[in-house]
N, C-alpha and C. Protein backbone atom coordinates (compact mmCIF):
# COMPACT_ATOMS: atom_id res chain seq x y z
N MET A 1 -261.12 -176.83 -27.07
CA MET A 1 -259.81 -176.74 -26.44
C MET A 1 -259.32 -175.30 -26.48
N ALA A 2 -259.89 -174.48 -27.31
CA ALA A 2 -259.65 -173.05 -27.42
C ALA A 2 -258.20 -172.68 -27.13
N ARG A 3 -257.96 -171.89 -26.11
CA ARG A 3 -256.62 -171.39 -25.84
C ARG A 3 -256.07 -171.91 -24.52
N ARG A 4 -256.51 -173.08 -24.08
CA ARG A 4 -256.01 -173.64 -22.82
C ARG A 4 -254.57 -174.10 -23.03
N SER A 5 -253.73 -173.75 -22.09
CA SER A 5 -252.32 -174.13 -22.16
C SER A 5 -252.12 -175.59 -21.80
N VAL A 6 -251.02 -176.14 -22.30
CA VAL A 6 -250.63 -177.51 -22.02
C VAL A 6 -249.23 -177.46 -21.43
N PHE A 7 -249.08 -178.06 -20.24
CA PHE A 7 -247.80 -178.07 -19.55
C PHE A 7 -247.30 -179.50 -19.46
N LEU A 8 -246.10 -179.73 -19.96
CA LEU A 8 -245.50 -181.06 -19.94
C LEU A 8 -244.57 -181.20 -18.74
N VAL A 9 -244.79 -182.25 -17.95
CA VAL A 9 -243.93 -182.57 -16.82
C VAL A 9 -243.40 -183.97 -17.00
N GLY A 10 -242.33 -184.27 -16.28
CA GLY A 10 -241.74 -185.59 -16.33
C GLY A 10 -240.25 -185.50 -16.11
N PRO A 11 -239.60 -186.63 -16.02
CA PRO A 11 -238.17 -186.66 -15.72
C PRO A 11 -237.32 -186.20 -16.90
N MET A 12 -236.07 -185.89 -16.61
CA MET A 12 -235.14 -185.57 -17.70
C MET A 12 -235.08 -186.76 -18.64
N GLY A 13 -235.03 -186.47 -19.92
CA GLY A 13 -234.97 -187.53 -20.91
C GLY A 13 -236.32 -188.11 -21.30
N ALA A 14 -237.41 -187.54 -20.78
CA ALA A 14 -238.74 -188.05 -21.14
C ALA A 14 -239.19 -187.55 -22.51
N GLY A 15 -238.53 -186.52 -23.02
CA GLY A 15 -238.90 -185.98 -24.33
C GLY A 15 -239.80 -184.76 -24.27
N LYS A 16 -239.83 -184.07 -23.14
CA LYS A 16 -240.75 -182.94 -22.96
C LYS A 16 -240.52 -181.85 -23.99
N THR A 17 -239.26 -181.51 -24.27
CA THR A 17 -238.97 -180.44 -25.22
C THR A 17 -239.28 -180.89 -26.64
N THR A 18 -238.84 -182.06 -27.00
CA THR A 18 -239.06 -182.56 -28.37
C THR A 18 -240.55 -182.74 -28.64
N VAL A 19 -241.25 -183.40 -27.74
CA VAL A 19 -242.69 -183.60 -27.89
C VAL A 19 -243.41 -182.26 -27.83
N GLY A 20 -242.98 -181.39 -26.92
CA GLY A 20 -243.62 -180.08 -26.75
C GLY A 20 -243.57 -179.23 -28.01
N ARG A 21 -242.43 -179.20 -28.68
CA ARG A 21 -242.30 -178.42 -29.92
C ARG A 21 -243.29 -178.92 -30.98
N ARG A 22 -243.34 -180.24 -31.15
CA ARG A 22 -244.24 -180.84 -32.15
C ARG A 22 -245.70 -180.66 -31.76
N LEU A 23 -245.98 -180.79 -30.48
CA LEU A 23 -247.34 -180.62 -29.99
C LEU A 23 -247.82 -179.19 -30.23
N ALA A 24 -246.97 -178.23 -29.90
CA ALA A 24 -247.32 -176.82 -30.11
C ALA A 24 -247.60 -176.55 -31.58
N GLN A 25 -246.77 -177.11 -32.44
CA GLN A 25 -246.96 -176.94 -33.88
C GLN A 25 -248.31 -177.53 -34.30
N SER A 26 -248.63 -178.71 -33.82
CA SER A 26 -249.89 -179.36 -34.16
C SER A 26 -251.10 -178.58 -33.66
N LEU A 27 -250.96 -177.95 -32.48
CA LEU A 27 -252.07 -177.21 -31.88
C LEU A 27 -252.12 -175.75 -32.32
N GLY A 28 -251.08 -175.30 -33.04
CA GLY A 28 -251.00 -173.90 -33.45
C GLY A 28 -250.76 -172.96 -32.26
N LEU A 29 -250.01 -173.45 -31.26
CA LEU A 29 -249.72 -172.67 -30.07
C LEU A 29 -248.23 -172.35 -30.01
N ASP A 30 -247.88 -171.33 -29.23
CA ASP A 30 -246.47 -171.01 -29.00
C ASP A 30 -245.87 -172.03 -28.04
N PHE A 31 -244.59 -172.32 -28.23
CA PHE A 31 -243.89 -173.28 -27.40
C PHE A 31 -242.84 -172.56 -26.55
N PHE A 32 -242.74 -172.98 -25.29
CA PHE A 32 -241.71 -172.49 -24.39
C PHE A 32 -241.12 -173.68 -23.65
N ASP A 33 -239.83 -173.57 -23.34
CA ASP A 33 -239.14 -174.53 -22.50
C ASP A 33 -238.63 -173.74 -21.30
N SER A 34 -239.02 -174.12 -20.10
CA SER A 34 -238.67 -173.31 -18.92
C SER A 34 -237.16 -173.23 -18.72
N ASP A 35 -236.42 -174.30 -18.97
CA ASP A 35 -234.97 -174.25 -18.82
C ASP A 35 -234.35 -173.29 -19.85
N GLU A 36 -234.83 -173.35 -21.09
CA GLU A 36 -234.31 -172.43 -22.12
C GLU A 36 -234.63 -170.98 -21.76
N GLU A 37 -235.80 -170.75 -21.17
CA GLU A 37 -236.17 -169.39 -20.77
C GLU A 37 -235.29 -168.90 -19.63
N ILE A 38 -234.97 -169.76 -18.69
CA ILE A 38 -234.06 -169.38 -17.60
C ILE A 38 -232.69 -169.01 -18.18
N GLU A 39 -232.20 -169.82 -19.10
CA GLU A 39 -230.91 -169.53 -19.73
C GLU A 39 -230.95 -168.22 -20.51
N ARG A 40 -232.05 -167.97 -21.21
CA ARG A 40 -232.19 -166.73 -21.98
C ARG A 40 -232.18 -165.53 -21.05
N ARG A 41 -232.92 -165.61 -19.95
CA ARG A 41 -233.01 -164.48 -19.02
C ARG A 41 -231.71 -164.21 -18.27
N THR A 42 -230.98 -165.26 -17.94
CA THR A 42 -229.76 -165.08 -17.14
C THR A 42 -228.50 -164.94 -17.99
N GLY A 43 -228.55 -165.42 -19.22
CA GLY A 43 -227.35 -165.43 -20.05
C GLY A 43 -226.36 -166.49 -19.60
N ALA A 44 -226.83 -167.45 -18.80
CA ALA A 44 -225.96 -168.52 -18.31
C ALA A 44 -226.65 -169.86 -18.50
N THR A 45 -225.86 -170.92 -18.62
CA THR A 45 -226.43 -172.25 -18.76
C THR A 45 -226.97 -172.72 -17.40
N ILE A 46 -227.85 -173.70 -17.46
CA ILE A 46 -228.39 -174.30 -16.23
C ILE A 46 -227.24 -174.85 -15.38
N SER A 47 -226.27 -175.48 -16.02
CA SER A 47 -225.12 -176.04 -15.29
C SER A 47 -224.37 -174.96 -14.53
N ILE A 48 -224.16 -173.81 -15.15
CA ILE A 48 -223.45 -172.70 -14.50
C ILE A 48 -224.27 -172.16 -13.33
N ILE A 49 -225.59 -172.03 -13.53
CA ILE A 49 -226.46 -171.55 -12.46
C ILE A 49 -226.39 -172.51 -11.26
N PHE A 50 -226.45 -173.80 -11.52
CA PHE A 50 -226.33 -174.80 -10.45
C PHE A 50 -224.98 -174.66 -9.74
N GLU A 51 -223.92 -174.47 -10.53
CA GLU A 51 -222.58 -174.38 -9.97
C GLU A 51 -222.43 -173.15 -9.07
N ILE A 52 -222.97 -172.03 -9.50
CA ILE A 52 -222.81 -170.77 -8.76
C ILE A 52 -223.83 -170.63 -7.63
N GLU A 53 -225.10 -170.94 -7.93
CA GLU A 53 -226.18 -170.67 -6.97
C GLU A 53 -226.69 -171.92 -6.26
N GLY A 54 -226.27 -173.08 -6.71
CA GLY A 54 -226.78 -174.32 -6.15
C GLY A 54 -228.19 -174.60 -6.64
N GLU A 55 -228.70 -175.75 -6.26
CA GLU A 55 -230.04 -176.12 -6.72
C GLU A 55 -231.09 -175.17 -6.16
N ALA A 56 -230.92 -174.71 -4.92
CA ALA A 56 -231.92 -173.80 -4.32
C ALA A 56 -232.03 -172.50 -5.12
N GLY A 57 -230.91 -171.95 -5.55
CA GLY A 57 -230.93 -170.72 -6.35
C GLY A 57 -231.60 -170.96 -7.70
N PHE A 58 -231.28 -172.10 -8.30
CA PHE A 58 -231.91 -172.44 -9.56
C PHE A 58 -233.43 -172.57 -9.41
N ARG A 59 -233.87 -173.25 -8.34
CA ARG A 59 -235.31 -173.47 -8.14
C ARG A 59 -236.06 -172.14 -7.96
N LYS A 60 -235.43 -171.14 -7.34
CA LYS A 60 -236.06 -169.81 -7.22
C LYS A 60 -236.25 -169.19 -8.60
N ARG A 61 -235.23 -169.28 -9.42
CA ARG A 61 -235.33 -168.75 -10.79
C ARG A 61 -236.40 -169.51 -11.59
N GLU A 62 -236.42 -170.81 -11.42
CA GLU A 62 -237.39 -171.64 -12.12
C GLU A 62 -238.81 -171.25 -11.72
N HIS A 63 -239.04 -171.01 -10.45
CA HIS A 63 -240.37 -170.63 -9.97
C HIS A 63 -240.83 -169.32 -10.62
N LYS A 64 -239.94 -168.33 -10.69
CA LYS A 64 -240.28 -167.05 -11.31
C LYS A 64 -240.65 -167.24 -12.79
N VAL A 65 -239.86 -168.04 -13.48
CA VAL A 65 -240.14 -168.30 -14.90
C VAL A 65 -241.48 -169.02 -15.06
N LEU A 66 -241.75 -169.99 -14.20
CA LEU A 66 -243.03 -170.70 -14.27
C LEU A 66 -244.20 -169.77 -13.97
N GLN A 67 -244.04 -168.87 -13.02
CA GLN A 67 -245.10 -167.88 -12.75
C GLN A 67 -245.41 -167.09 -14.01
N ASP A 68 -244.36 -166.63 -14.67
CA ASP A 68 -244.53 -165.80 -15.86
C ASP A 68 -245.10 -166.58 -17.05
N LEU A 69 -244.51 -167.74 -17.33
CA LEU A 69 -244.93 -168.50 -18.51
C LEU A 69 -246.32 -169.10 -18.37
N THR A 70 -246.66 -169.60 -17.19
CA THR A 70 -247.99 -170.21 -17.03
C THR A 70 -249.10 -169.17 -17.08
N ALA A 71 -248.75 -167.89 -16.94
CA ALA A 71 -249.75 -166.82 -17.04
C ALA A 71 -250.08 -166.49 -18.49
N LEU A 72 -249.26 -166.96 -19.43
CA LEU A 72 -249.52 -166.70 -20.85
C LEU A 72 -250.67 -167.57 -21.33
N PRO A 73 -251.55 -167.03 -22.16
CA PRO A 73 -252.67 -167.83 -22.66
C PRO A 73 -252.25 -168.73 -23.82
N GLY A 74 -252.76 -169.94 -23.83
CA GLY A 74 -252.61 -170.83 -24.98
C GLY A 74 -251.20 -171.13 -25.40
N ILE A 75 -250.40 -171.70 -24.51
CA ILE A 75 -249.04 -172.10 -24.85
C ILE A 75 -248.84 -173.59 -24.55
N VAL A 76 -247.77 -174.13 -25.09
CA VAL A 76 -247.28 -175.44 -24.68
C VAL A 76 -245.96 -175.17 -23.97
N LEU A 77 -245.83 -175.69 -22.76
CA LEU A 77 -244.66 -175.45 -21.93
C LEU A 77 -244.03 -176.76 -21.51
N ALA A 78 -242.74 -176.92 -21.83
CA ALA A 78 -241.96 -178.05 -21.33
C ALA A 78 -241.26 -177.57 -20.07
N THR A 79 -241.55 -178.22 -18.95
CA THR A 79 -240.94 -177.83 -17.68
C THR A 79 -239.68 -178.64 -17.44
N GLY A 80 -238.84 -178.16 -16.54
CA GLY A 80 -237.68 -178.93 -16.12
C GLY A 80 -238.14 -180.11 -15.27
N GLY A 81 -237.32 -181.13 -15.20
CA GLY A 81 -237.68 -182.34 -14.45
C GLY A 81 -238.02 -182.11 -13.00
N GLY A 82 -237.39 -181.11 -12.38
CA GLY A 82 -237.62 -180.84 -10.97
C GLY A 82 -238.63 -179.74 -10.69
N ALA A 83 -239.30 -179.26 -11.71
CA ALA A 83 -240.26 -178.16 -11.53
C ALA A 83 -241.37 -178.51 -10.55
N VAL A 84 -241.69 -179.79 -10.43
CA VAL A 84 -242.78 -180.22 -9.54
C VAL A 84 -242.38 -180.28 -8.07
N LEU A 85 -241.11 -180.05 -7.77
CA LEU A 85 -240.65 -180.16 -6.39
C LEU A 85 -241.28 -179.11 -5.47
N MET A 86 -241.50 -177.90 -5.97
CA MET A 86 -242.10 -176.85 -5.15
C MET A 86 -243.62 -176.95 -5.22
N PRO A 87 -244.29 -177.00 -4.07
CA PRO A 87 -245.76 -177.04 -4.07
C PRO A 87 -246.38 -175.88 -4.84
N GLU A 88 -245.74 -174.71 -4.77
CA GLU A 88 -246.26 -173.53 -5.49
C GLU A 88 -246.25 -173.76 -6.99
N ASN A 89 -245.23 -174.44 -7.49
CA ASN A 89 -245.17 -174.74 -8.93
C ASN A 89 -246.26 -175.72 -9.32
N ARG A 90 -246.46 -176.74 -8.50
CA ARG A 90 -247.52 -177.71 -8.81
C ARG A 90 -248.87 -177.01 -8.87
N GLU A 91 -249.11 -176.10 -7.96
CA GLU A 91 -250.39 -175.37 -7.95
C GLU A 91 -250.53 -174.49 -9.19
N LEU A 92 -249.46 -173.79 -9.59
CA LEU A 92 -249.51 -172.98 -10.81
C LEU A 92 -249.87 -173.84 -12.02
N LEU A 93 -249.21 -174.97 -12.14
CA LEU A 93 -249.44 -175.85 -13.28
C LEU A 93 -250.87 -176.36 -13.29
N ARG A 94 -251.34 -176.83 -12.15
CA ARG A 94 -252.71 -177.37 -12.06
C ARG A 94 -253.76 -176.31 -12.37
N ALA A 95 -253.54 -175.11 -11.86
CA ALA A 95 -254.55 -174.05 -11.96
C ALA A 95 -254.60 -173.40 -13.34
N ARG A 96 -253.49 -173.43 -14.07
CA ARG A 96 -253.41 -172.60 -15.27
C ARG A 96 -253.39 -173.36 -16.59
N GLY A 97 -253.50 -174.67 -16.55
CA GLY A 97 -253.48 -175.40 -17.81
C GLY A 97 -253.74 -176.88 -17.60
N THR A 98 -253.62 -177.61 -18.69
CA THR A 98 -253.73 -179.07 -18.66
C THR A 98 -252.33 -179.63 -18.52
N VAL A 99 -252.12 -180.46 -17.51
CA VAL A 99 -250.78 -181.00 -17.23
C VAL A 99 -250.68 -182.41 -17.80
N VAL A 100 -249.67 -182.61 -18.63
CA VAL A 100 -249.40 -183.91 -19.24
C VAL A 100 -248.09 -184.44 -18.69
N TYR A 101 -248.15 -185.60 -18.06
CA TYR A 101 -246.96 -186.26 -17.52
C TYR A 101 -246.45 -187.23 -18.57
N LEU A 102 -245.26 -186.95 -19.11
CA LEU A 102 -244.60 -187.88 -20.02
C LEU A 102 -243.77 -188.83 -19.17
N LYS A 103 -244.26 -190.03 -19.06
CA LYS A 103 -243.66 -191.03 -18.19
C LYS A 103 -242.71 -191.91 -19.00
N THR A 104 -241.53 -192.12 -18.47
CA THR A 104 -240.56 -192.96 -19.16
C THR A 104 -239.74 -193.75 -18.15
N SER A 105 -239.09 -194.78 -18.62
CA SER A 105 -238.31 -195.65 -17.74
C SER A 105 -236.94 -195.05 -17.46
N VAL A 106 -236.33 -195.51 -16.40
CA VAL A 106 -234.97 -195.09 -16.08
C VAL A 106 -234.02 -195.53 -17.19
N ALA A 107 -234.23 -196.71 -17.74
CA ALA A 107 -233.38 -197.19 -18.84
C ALA A 107 -233.45 -196.23 -20.03
N GLU A 108 -234.65 -195.77 -20.35
CA GLU A 108 -234.80 -194.84 -21.47
C GLU A 108 -234.18 -193.49 -21.12
N GLN A 109 -234.33 -193.04 -19.88
CA GLN A 109 -233.69 -191.79 -19.46
C GLN A 109 -232.17 -191.89 -19.63
N LEU A 110 -231.61 -193.00 -19.20
CA LEU A 110 -230.16 -193.21 -19.35
C LEU A 110 -229.75 -193.15 -20.82
N ARG A 111 -230.49 -193.83 -21.66
CA ARG A 111 -230.17 -193.85 -23.08
C ARG A 111 -230.20 -192.43 -23.67
N ARG A 112 -231.22 -191.67 -23.29
CA ARG A 112 -231.41 -190.33 -23.87
C ARG A 112 -230.49 -189.27 -23.28
N THR A 113 -229.98 -189.48 -22.07
CA THR A 113 -229.18 -188.44 -21.42
C THR A 113 -227.69 -188.78 -21.31
N ARG A 114 -227.30 -189.96 -21.73
CA ARG A 114 -225.93 -190.43 -21.47
C ARG A 114 -224.83 -189.53 -22.04
N SER A 115 -225.08 -188.87 -23.14
CA SER A 115 -224.02 -188.04 -23.71
C SER A 115 -224.23 -186.55 -23.44
N SER A 116 -225.25 -186.20 -22.67
CA SER A 116 -225.53 -184.80 -22.39
C SER A 116 -224.62 -184.26 -21.29
N VAL A 117 -224.09 -183.07 -21.53
CA VAL A 117 -223.29 -182.39 -20.51
C VAL A 117 -224.12 -181.28 -19.86
N HIS A 118 -225.40 -181.23 -20.19
CA HIS A 118 -226.28 -180.17 -19.70
C HIS A 118 -227.26 -180.69 -18.64
N ARG A 119 -226.89 -181.69 -17.92
CA ARG A 119 -227.73 -182.28 -16.88
C ARG A 119 -226.99 -182.20 -15.54
N PRO A 120 -227.08 -181.06 -14.86
CA PRO A 120 -226.27 -180.89 -13.65
C PRO A 120 -226.50 -181.95 -12.58
N LEU A 121 -227.68 -182.50 -12.50
CA LEU A 121 -227.93 -183.51 -11.47
C LEU A 121 -227.29 -184.86 -11.80
N LEU A 122 -226.76 -184.99 -13.03
CA LEU A 122 -226.07 -186.23 -13.41
C LEU A 122 -224.57 -186.03 -13.58
N GLN A 123 -224.07 -184.84 -13.30
CA GLN A 123 -222.67 -184.53 -13.58
C GLN A 123 -221.70 -184.86 -12.45
N ASP A 124 -222.20 -185.22 -11.29
CA ASP A 124 -221.34 -185.55 -10.16
C ASP A 124 -220.56 -186.82 -10.48
N ALA A 125 -219.25 -186.71 -10.53
CA ALA A 125 -218.40 -187.85 -10.89
C ALA A 125 -218.49 -189.00 -9.88
N ASP A 126 -218.89 -188.68 -8.65
CA ASP A 126 -218.99 -189.70 -7.61
C ASP A 126 -220.31 -190.46 -7.63
N THR A 127 -221.23 -190.03 -8.49
CA THR A 127 -222.56 -190.64 -8.50
C THR A 127 -222.79 -191.40 -9.80
N ASP A 128 -223.25 -192.62 -9.67
CA ASP A 128 -223.62 -193.42 -10.83
C ASP A 128 -224.91 -192.84 -11.41
N PRO A 129 -224.94 -192.48 -12.71
CA PRO A 129 -226.15 -191.88 -13.29
C PRO A 129 -227.41 -192.72 -13.11
N GLU A 130 -227.29 -194.05 -13.24
CA GLU A 130 -228.48 -194.89 -13.08
C GLU A 130 -229.02 -194.81 -11.65
N SER A 131 -228.13 -194.86 -10.68
CA SER A 131 -228.55 -194.75 -9.28
C SER A 131 -229.20 -193.40 -9.02
N ARG A 132 -228.62 -192.35 -9.58
CA ARG A 132 -229.16 -191.00 -9.39
C ARG A 132 -230.55 -190.89 -10.03
N LEU A 133 -230.72 -191.43 -11.22
CA LEU A 133 -232.02 -191.38 -11.89
C LEU A 133 -233.07 -192.19 -11.12
N LEU A 134 -232.67 -193.33 -10.57
CA LEU A 134 -233.60 -194.11 -9.74
C LEU A 134 -234.03 -193.32 -8.51
N GLU A 135 -233.08 -192.65 -7.89
CA GLU A 135 -233.37 -191.83 -6.71
C GLU A 135 -234.33 -190.68 -7.07
N LEU A 136 -234.05 -190.00 -8.18
CA LEU A 136 -234.92 -188.90 -8.62
C LEU A 136 -236.33 -189.41 -8.96
N THR A 137 -236.40 -190.58 -9.58
CA THR A 137 -237.70 -191.16 -9.92
C THR A 137 -238.51 -191.45 -8.66
N GLN A 138 -237.88 -192.04 -7.68
CA GLN A 138 -238.59 -192.34 -6.43
C GLN A 138 -239.10 -191.07 -5.76
N GLU A 139 -238.32 -190.02 -5.82
CA GLU A 139 -238.70 -188.75 -5.19
C GLU A 139 -239.80 -188.03 -5.98
N ARG A 140 -239.68 -188.03 -7.31
CA ARG A 140 -240.51 -187.16 -8.13
C ARG A 140 -241.74 -187.81 -8.75
N GLU A 141 -241.71 -189.10 -8.99
CA GLU A 141 -242.84 -189.74 -9.67
C GLU A 141 -244.17 -189.50 -8.97
N PRO A 142 -244.25 -189.58 -7.64
CA PRO A 142 -245.53 -189.28 -6.99
C PRO A 142 -245.98 -187.83 -7.23
N LEU A 143 -245.02 -186.93 -7.37
CA LEU A 143 -245.37 -185.52 -7.62
C LEU A 143 -245.87 -185.33 -9.05
N TYR A 144 -245.24 -186.00 -10.01
CA TYR A 144 -245.73 -185.95 -11.39
C TYR A 144 -247.16 -186.49 -11.46
N ASP A 145 -247.37 -187.63 -10.81
CA ASP A 145 -248.70 -188.24 -10.80
C ASP A 145 -249.73 -187.31 -10.17
N SER A 146 -249.35 -186.64 -9.09
CA SER A 146 -250.30 -185.80 -8.35
C SER A 146 -250.74 -184.57 -9.14
N VAL A 147 -249.89 -184.08 -10.02
CA VAL A 147 -250.20 -182.86 -10.75
C VAL A 147 -250.82 -183.14 -12.13
N ALA A 148 -250.68 -184.37 -12.62
CA ALA A 148 -251.05 -184.69 -14.00
C ALA A 148 -252.55 -184.85 -14.20
N ASP A 149 -253.02 -184.24 -15.29
CA ASP A 149 -254.38 -184.50 -15.78
C ASP A 149 -254.35 -185.71 -16.71
N ILE A 150 -253.22 -185.87 -17.39
CA ILE A 150 -253.04 -186.92 -18.40
C ILE A 150 -251.66 -187.53 -18.20
N VAL A 151 -251.58 -188.86 -18.26
CA VAL A 151 -250.29 -189.55 -18.19
C VAL A 151 -250.10 -190.29 -19.50
N VAL A 152 -248.96 -190.05 -20.15
CA VAL A 152 -248.65 -190.69 -21.43
C VAL A 152 -247.30 -191.39 -21.28
N GLU A 153 -247.29 -192.67 -21.58
CA GLU A 153 -246.04 -193.44 -21.55
C GLU A 153 -245.23 -193.07 -22.79
N SER A 154 -243.94 -192.72 -22.59
CA SER A 154 -243.14 -192.31 -23.73
C SER A 154 -241.90 -193.15 -24.02
N PRO A 155 -241.58 -194.19 -23.25
CA PRO A 155 -240.31 -194.88 -23.53
C PRO A 155 -240.30 -195.62 -24.86
N GLY A 156 -239.20 -195.40 -25.59
CA GLY A 156 -238.96 -196.15 -26.81
C GLY A 156 -239.91 -195.86 -27.96
N ARG A 157 -240.72 -194.82 -27.86
CA ARG A 157 -241.68 -194.52 -28.92
C ARG A 157 -241.14 -193.44 -29.83
N LYS A 158 -241.62 -193.43 -31.04
CA LYS A 158 -241.32 -192.34 -31.97
C LYS A 158 -242.03 -191.08 -31.47
N VAL A 159 -241.43 -189.94 -31.73
CA VAL A 159 -241.99 -188.67 -31.28
C VAL A 159 -243.40 -188.48 -31.82
N GLY A 160 -243.60 -188.77 -33.09
CA GLY A 160 -244.92 -188.60 -33.70
C GLY A 160 -246.00 -189.42 -33.01
N ALA A 161 -245.66 -190.63 -32.60
CA ALA A 161 -246.64 -191.49 -31.90
C ALA A 161 -246.98 -190.92 -30.54
N THR A 162 -245.98 -190.38 -29.85
CA THR A 162 -246.23 -189.78 -28.54
C THR A 162 -247.08 -188.53 -28.69
N VAL A 163 -246.76 -187.70 -29.68
CA VAL A 163 -247.54 -186.48 -29.92
C VAL A 163 -248.99 -186.83 -30.25
N LYS A 164 -249.19 -187.84 -31.10
CA LYS A 164 -250.55 -188.25 -31.44
C LYS A 164 -251.30 -188.73 -30.21
N ASP A 165 -250.63 -189.50 -29.37
CA ASP A 165 -251.23 -189.98 -28.13
C ASP A 165 -251.64 -188.80 -27.25
N VAL A 166 -250.75 -187.82 -27.09
CA VAL A 166 -251.07 -186.64 -26.28
C VAL A 166 -252.26 -185.90 -26.88
N LEU A 167 -252.25 -185.69 -28.20
CA LEU A 167 -253.36 -184.98 -28.85
C LEU A 167 -254.69 -185.71 -28.63
N ASP A 168 -254.68 -187.03 -28.80
CA ASP A 168 -255.89 -187.82 -28.57
C ASP A 168 -256.37 -187.69 -27.14
N ARG A 169 -255.44 -187.77 -26.20
CA ARG A 169 -255.79 -187.69 -24.78
C ARG A 169 -256.27 -186.29 -24.41
N LEU A 170 -255.69 -185.25 -25.04
CA LEU A 170 -256.15 -183.88 -24.79
C LEU A 170 -257.58 -183.70 -25.27
N THR A 171 -257.88 -184.24 -26.43
CA THR A 171 -259.24 -184.16 -26.97
C THR A 171 -260.21 -184.84 -26.02
N ASP A 172 -259.84 -186.04 -25.56
CA ASP A 172 -260.69 -186.75 -24.60
C ASP A 172 -260.84 -185.98 -23.30
N ALA A 173 -259.74 -185.44 -22.79
CA ALA A 173 -259.76 -184.71 -21.51
C ALA A 173 -260.60 -183.45 -21.61
N HIS A 174 -260.53 -182.78 -22.74
CA HIS A 174 -261.27 -181.52 -22.88
C HIS A 174 -262.77 -181.76 -23.12
N SER A 175 -263.10 -182.95 -23.56
CA SER A 175 -264.52 -183.24 -23.72
C SER A 175 -265.16 -183.58 -22.37
N THR A 176 -264.32 -183.90 -21.40
CA THR A 176 -264.80 -184.18 -20.02
C THR A 176 -263.94 -183.38 -19.03
N SER A 177 -263.65 -182.12 -19.37
CA SER A 177 -262.69 -181.35 -18.57
C SER A 177 -263.21 -180.95 -17.22
N ARG A 178 -262.24 -180.72 -16.34
CA ARG A 178 -262.56 -180.25 -15.00
C ARG A 178 -262.79 -178.74 -15.05
N PRO A 179 -263.47 -178.19 -14.08
CA PRO A 179 -263.68 -176.75 -14.06
C PRO A 179 -262.36 -176.02 -13.86
N GLY A 180 -262.29 -174.80 -14.41
CA GLY A 180 -261.12 -173.96 -14.16
C GLY A 180 -260.26 -173.89 -15.32
């Protein structure tokens, strides 16, 4: 498995950051979260960026961060839920590392995100969060599936169990890895 990077994709509330930190620790790799990196570079929260620049402005910033981070050797990267929307991002992820899709249910997403004020796509007072998450799932799930080398179900599981599952699947995937 040497220094191949691992990129985590999936919807908000799937546990990408939490699992990613533990996974990086287990693999002895550096951990990055693309949303945290965007906030660090801009000095503004994701919510503020969405408010000022809209989703399109945010996605441009996200693409630049993904270009930079995926070029680093041997990292674990937790991507934002919408990172797969741009074809260029999907290609970067596929070409530069092993992509793990943390799949979770809408019910679990609701449970994990209900008290968060840092989810701009759920902050619209006129939109029911469950309806919005269902809409995002319908739009994005095929994209997560298309980019993933490994799919791991994460709803309702302890973090350690999910990390162990990812580690086991990475070992299996690397013993029969694709070229590149």
